[in-house]
PDB file of N, CA and C in Angstrom:
ATOM      1  N   MET A   1     262.529 186.171  88.142  1.00  0.00           N
ATOM      2  CA  MET A   1     261.696 185.072  87.701  1.00  0.00           C
ATOM      3  C   MET A   1     262.516 184.044  86.922  1.00  0.00           C
ATOM      4  N   VAL A   2     263.391 184.532  86.050  1.00  0.00           N
ATOM      5  CA  VAL A   2     264.205 183.623  85.245  1.00  0.00           C
ATOM      6  C   VAL A   2     265.150 182.823  86.151  1.00  0.00           C
ATOM      7  N   ARG A   3     265.710 183.462  87.158  1.00  0.00           N
ATOM      8  CA  ARG A   3     266.597 182.754  88.089  1.00  0.00           C
ATOM      9  C   ARG A   3     265.856 181.643  88.818  1.00  0.00           C
ATOM     10  N   PHE A   4     264.615 181.921  89.218  1.00  0.00           N
ATOM     11  CA  PHE A   4     263.811 180.917  89.912  1.00  0.00           C
ATOM     12  C   PHE A   4     263.569 179.710  89.014  1.00  0.00           C
ATOM     13  N   ILE A   5     263.244 179.949  87.750  1.00  0.00           N
ATOM     14  CA  ILE A   5     263.003 178.858  86.805  1.00  0.00           C
ATOM     15  C   ILE A   5     264.277 178.051  86.591  1.00  0.00           C
ATOM     16  N   LEU A   6     265.395 178.720  86.413  1.00  0.00           N
ATOM     17  CA  LEU A   6     266.663 178.017  86.210  1.00  0.00           C
ATOM     18  C   LEU A   6     267.060 177.223  87.450  1.00  0.00           C
ATOM     19  N   CYS A   7     266.851 177.808  88.615  1.00  0.00           N
ATOM     20  CA  CYS A   7     267.181 177.150  89.868  1.00  0.00           C
ATOM     21  C   CYS A   7     266.286 175.921  90.069  1.00  0.00           C
ATOM     22  N   SER A   8     265.004 176.064  89.752  1.00  0.00           N
ATOM     23  CA  SER A   8     264.073 174.945  89.882  1.00  0.00           C
ATOM     24  C   SER A   8     264.450 173.834  88.912  1.00  0.00           C
ATOM     25  N   ARG A   9     264.818 174.188  87.712  1.00  0.00           N
ATOM     26  CA  ARG A   9     265.212 173.205  86.697  1.00  0.00           C
ATOM     27  C   ARG A   9     266.466 172.463  87.161  1.00  0.00           C
ATOM     28  N   TRP A  10     267.414 173.191  87.719  1.00  0.00           N
ATOM     29  CA  TRP A  10     268.649 172.592  88.207  1.00  0.00           C
ATOM     30  C   TRP A  10     268.345 171.603  89.328  1.00  0.00           C
ATOM     31  N   THR A  11     267.457 171.964  90.233  1.00  0.00           N
ATOM     32  CA  THR A  11     267.086 171.106  91.351  1.00  0.00           C
ATOM     33  C   THR A  11     266.431 169.827  90.847  1.00  0.00           C
ATOM     34  N   VAL A  12     265.554 169.937  89.877  1.00  0.00           N
ATOM     35  CA  VAL A  12     264.904 168.757  89.294  1.00  0.00           C
ATOM     36  C   VAL A  12     265.949 167.867  88.617  1.00  0.00           C
ATOM     37  N   ASP A  13     266.856 168.451  87.864  1.00  0.00           N
ATOM     38  CA  ASP A  13     267.904 167.679  87.187  1.00  0.00           C
ATOM     39  C   ASP A  13     268.776 166.922  88.181  1.00  0.00           C
ATOM     40  N   ILE A  14     269.139 167.564  89.271  1.00  0.00           N
ATOM     41  CA  ILE A  14     269.953 166.898  90.305  1.00  0.00           C
ATOM     42  C   ILE A  14     269.170 165.745  90.926  1.00  0.00           C
ATOM     43  N   GLY A  15     267.903 165.953  91.201  1.00  0.00           N
ATOM     44  CA  GLY A  15     267.074 164.906  91.784  1.00  0.00           C
ATOM     45  C   GLY A  15     266.958 163.695  90.878  1.00  0.00           C
ATOM     46  N   ILE A  16     266.743 163.929  89.605  1.00  0.00           N
ATOM     47  CA  ILE A  16     266.653 162.819  88.645  1.00  0.00           C
ATOM     48  C   ILE A  16     267.983 162.093  88.549  1.00  0.00           C
ATOM     49  N   SER A  17     269.061 162.831  88.513  1.00  0.00           N
ATOM     50  CA  SER A  17     270.394 162.228  88.439  1.00  0.00           C
ATOM     51  C   SER A  17     270.685 161.366  89.665  1.00  0.00           C
ATOM     52  N   LEU A  18     270.345 161.855  90.839  1.00  0.00           N
ATOM     53  CA  LEU A  18     270.565 161.075  92.066  1.00  0.00           C
ATOM     54  C   LEU A  18     269.737 159.797  92.056  1.00  0.00           C
ATOM     55  N   TYR A  19     268.500 159.887  91.577  1.00  0.00           N
ATOM     56  CA  TYR A  19     267.650 158.699  91.503  1.00  0.00           C
ATOM     57  C   TYR A  19     268.252 157.650  90.574  1.00  0.00           C
ATOM     58  N   TRP A  20     268.691 158.073  89.389  1.00  0.00           N
ATOM     59  CA  TRP A  20     269.274 157.115  88.446  1.00  0.00           C
ATOM     60  C   TRP A  20     270.576 156.526  88.984  1.00  0.00           C
ATOM     61  N   ASP A  21     271.393 157.329  89.653  1.00  0.00           N
ATOM     62  CA  ASP A  21     272.624 156.809  90.260  1.00  0.00           C
ATOM     63  C   ASP A  21     272.303 155.734  91.295  1.00  0.00           C
ATOM     64  N   TRP A  22     271.318 156.001  92.131  1.00  0.00           N
ATOM     65  CA  TRP A  22     270.914 155.027  93.141  1.00  0.00           C
ATOM     66  C   TRP A  22     270.382 153.755  92.488  1.00  0.00           C
ATOM     67  N   ARG A  23     269.572 153.918  91.457  1.00  0.00           N
ATOM     68  CA  ARG A  23     268.967 152.767  90.787  1.00  0.00           C
ATOM     69  C   ARG A  23     270.023 151.873  90.139  1.00  0.00           C
ATOM     70  N   TYR A  24     270.952 152.466  89.399  1.00  0.00           N
ATOM     71  CA  TYR A  24     271.989 151.677  88.746  1.00  0.00           C
ATOM     72  C   TYR A  24     272.922 151.025  89.760  1.00  0.00           C
ATOM     73  N   THR A  25     273.185 151.704  90.865  1.00  0.00           N
ATOM     74  CA  THR A  25     274.014 151.112  91.918  1.00  0.00           C
ATOM     75  C   THR A  25     273.332 149.891  92.509  1.00  0.00           C
ATOM     76  N   ARG A  26     272.037 149.986  92.742  1.00  0.00           N
ATOM     77  CA  ARG A  26     271.275 148.853  93.278  1.00  0.00           C
ATOM     78  C   ARG A  26     271.298 147.663  92.321  1.00  0.00           C
ATOM     79  N   ILE A  27     271.102 147.919  91.035  1.00  0.00           N
ATOM     80  CA  ILE A  27     271.151 146.847  90.037  1.00  0.00           C
ATOM     81  C   ILE A  27     272.545 146.226  90.011  1.00  0.00           C
ATOM     82  N   GLY A  28     273.579 147.057  90.077  1.00  0.00           N
ATOM     83  CA  GLY A  28     274.952 146.550  90.073  1.00  0.00           C
ATOM     84  C   GLY A  28     275.254 145.675  91.273  1.00  0.00           C
ATOM     85  N   LYS A  29     274.764 146.058  92.436  1.00  0.00           N
ATOM     86  CA  LYS A  29     274.987 145.247  93.639  1.00  0.00           C
ATOM     87  C   LYS A  29     274.296 143.898  93.520  1.00  0.00           C
ATOM     88  N   GLU A  30     273.096 143.879  92.961  1.00  0.00           N
ATOM     89  CA  GLU A  30     272.399 142.615  92.775  1.00  0.00           C
ATOM     90  C   GLU A  30     273.146 141.718  91.790  1.00  0.00           C
ATOM     91  N   LEU A  31     273.678 142.295  90.729  1.00  0.00           N
ATOM     92  CA  LEU A  31     274.414 141.509  89.735  1.00  0.00           C
ATOM     93  C   LEU A  31     275.751 141.020  90.279  1.00  0.00           C
ATOM     94  N   HIS A  32     276.334 141.765  91.196  1.00  0.00           N
ATOM     95  CA  HIS A  32     277.647 141.434  91.740  1.00  0.00           C
ATOM     96  C   HIS A  32     277.559 140.439  92.905  1.00  0.00           C
ATOM     97  N   SER A  33     276.363 140.158  93.363  1.00  0.00           N
ATOM     98  CA  SER A  33     276.164 139.271  94.505  1.00  0.00           C
ATOM     99  C   SER A  33     276.703 137.868  94.215  1.00  0.00           C
ATOM    100  N   ALA A  34     277.328 137.257  95.223  1.00  0.00           N
ATOM    101  CA  ALA A  34     277.867 135.910  95.064  1.00  0.00           C
ATOM    102  C   ALA A  34     276.757 134.863  95.062  1.00  0.00           C
ATOM    103  N   ASN A  35     275.616 135.212  95.607  1.00  0.00           N
ATOM    104  CA  ASN A  35     274.492 134.281  95.675  1.00  0.00           C
ATOM    105  C   ASN A  35     273.679 134.385  94.382  1.00  0.00           C
ATOM    106  N   PRO A  36     273.694 133.335  93.543  1.00  0.00           N
ATOM    107  CA  PRO A  36     272.967 133.397  92.269  1.00  0.00           C
ATOM    108  C   PRO A  36     271.457 133.586  92.440  1.00  0.00           C
ATOM    109  N   ALA A  37     270.916 133.202  93.582  1.00  0.00           N
ATOM    110  CA  ALA A  37     269.485 133.361  93.806  1.00  0.00           C
ATOM    111  C   ALA A  37     269.095 134.838  93.895  1.00  0.00           C
ATOM    112  N   LEU A  38     270.053 135.699  94.234  1.00  0.00           N
ATOM    113  CA  LEU A  38     269.773 137.129  94.355  1.00  0.00           C
ATOM    114  C   LEU A  38     269.941 137.883  93.036  1.00  0.00           C
ATOM    115  N   HIS A  39     270.512 137.229  92.025  1.00  0.00           N
ATOM    116  CA  HIS A  39     270.710 137.886  90.733  1.00  0.00           C
ATOM    117  C   HIS A  39     269.368 138.112  90.055  1.00  0.00           C
ATOM    118  N   PRO A  40     269.147 139.305  89.550  1.00  0.00           N
ATOM    119  CA  PRO A  40     267.905 139.527  88.793  1.00  0.00           C
ATOM    120  C   PRO A  40     267.979 138.804  87.448  1.00  0.00           C
ATOM    121  N   LYS A  41     266.842 138.486  86.887  1.00  0.00           N
ATOM    122  CA  LYS A  41     266.812 137.833  85.578  1.00  0.00           C
ATOM    123  C   LYS A  41     267.258 138.822  84.509  1.00  0.00           C
ATOM    124  N   LYS A  42     267.833 138.278  83.441  1.00  0.00           N
ATOM    125  CA  LYS A  42     268.333 139.122  82.362  1.00  0.00           C
ATOM    126  C   LYS A  42     267.224 140.017  81.798  1.00  0.00           C
ATOM    127  N   ALA A  43     266.064 139.452  81.591  1.00  0.00           N
ATOM    128  CA  ALA A  43     264.939 140.226  81.051  1.00  0.00           C
ATOM    129  C   ALA A  43     264.555 141.374  81.986  1.00  0.00           C
ATOM    130  N   ASP A  44     264.621 141.127  83.296  1.00  0.00           N
ATOM    131  CA  ASP A  44     264.296 142.178  84.258  1.00  0.00           C
ATOM    132  C   ASP A  44     265.303 143.317  84.201  1.00  0.00           C
ATOM    133  N   VAL A  45     266.575 142.980  84.068  1.00  0.00           N
ATOM    134  CA  VAL A  45     267.618 144.013  83.987  1.00  0.00           C
ATOM    135  C   VAL A  45     267.438 144.846  82.724  1.00  0.00           C
ATOM    136  N   ILE A  46     267.192 144.184  81.605  1.00  0.00           N
ATOM    137  CA  ILE A  46     267.008 144.909  80.342  1.00  0.00           C
ATOM    138  C   ILE A  46     265.789 145.819  80.428  1.00  0.00           C
ATOM    139  N   ARG A  47     264.703 145.333  81.015  1.00  0.00           N
ATOM    140  CA  ARG A  47     263.501 146.146  81.151  1.00  0.00           C
ATOM    141  C   ARG A  47     263.772 147.380  82.037  1.00  0.00           C
ATOM    142  N   LEU A  48     264.520 147.177  83.137  1.00  0.00           N
ATOM    143  CA  LEU A  48     264.843 148.292  84.020  1.00  0.00           C
ATOM    144  C   LEU A  48     265.717 149.333  83.331  1.00  0.00           C
ATOM    145  N   LEU A  49     266.659 148.875  82.517  1.00  0.00           N
ATOM    146  CA  LEU A  49     267.559 149.802  81.857  1.00  0.00           C
ATOM    147  C   LEU A  49     266.864 150.615  80.753  1.00  0.00           C
ATOM    148  N   TRP A  50     265.871 150.029  80.111  1.00  0.00           N
ATOM    149  CA  TRP A  50     265.179 150.722  79.017  1.00  0.00           C
ATOM    150  C   TRP A  50     263.928 151.476  79.482  1.00  0.00           C
ATOM    151  N   GLN A  51     263.518 151.221  80.720  1.00  0.00           N
ATOM    152  CA  GLN A  51     262.317 151.850  81.255  1.00  0.00           C
ATOM    153  C   GLN A  51     262.583 153.316  81.539  1.00  0.00           C
ATOM    154  N   ARG A  52     261.630 154.140  81.214  1.00  0.00           N
ATOM    155  CA  ARG A  52     261.715 155.583  81.500  1.00  0.00           C
ATOM    156  C   ARG A  52     260.683 155.920  82.558  1.00  0.00           C
ATOM    157  N   ASP A  53     261.118 156.558  83.635  1.00  0.00           N
ATOM    158  CA  ASP A  53     260.193 156.967  84.701  1.00  0.00           C
ATOM    159  C   ASP A  53     259.822 158.404  84.549  1.00  0.00           C
TER     160      ASP A  53
END
């Protein structure tokens, strides 16, 4: 039973980590874009970084 709980916890942690990695990569690509129209607003970036899902 303890192994199942630890394994489940590990799986959840990996899933959350992958989601945050994907999210920050997406924000970085938008900020790195040469087209200024594609850049997110500063307030939007700050809100995304401080938001907890």
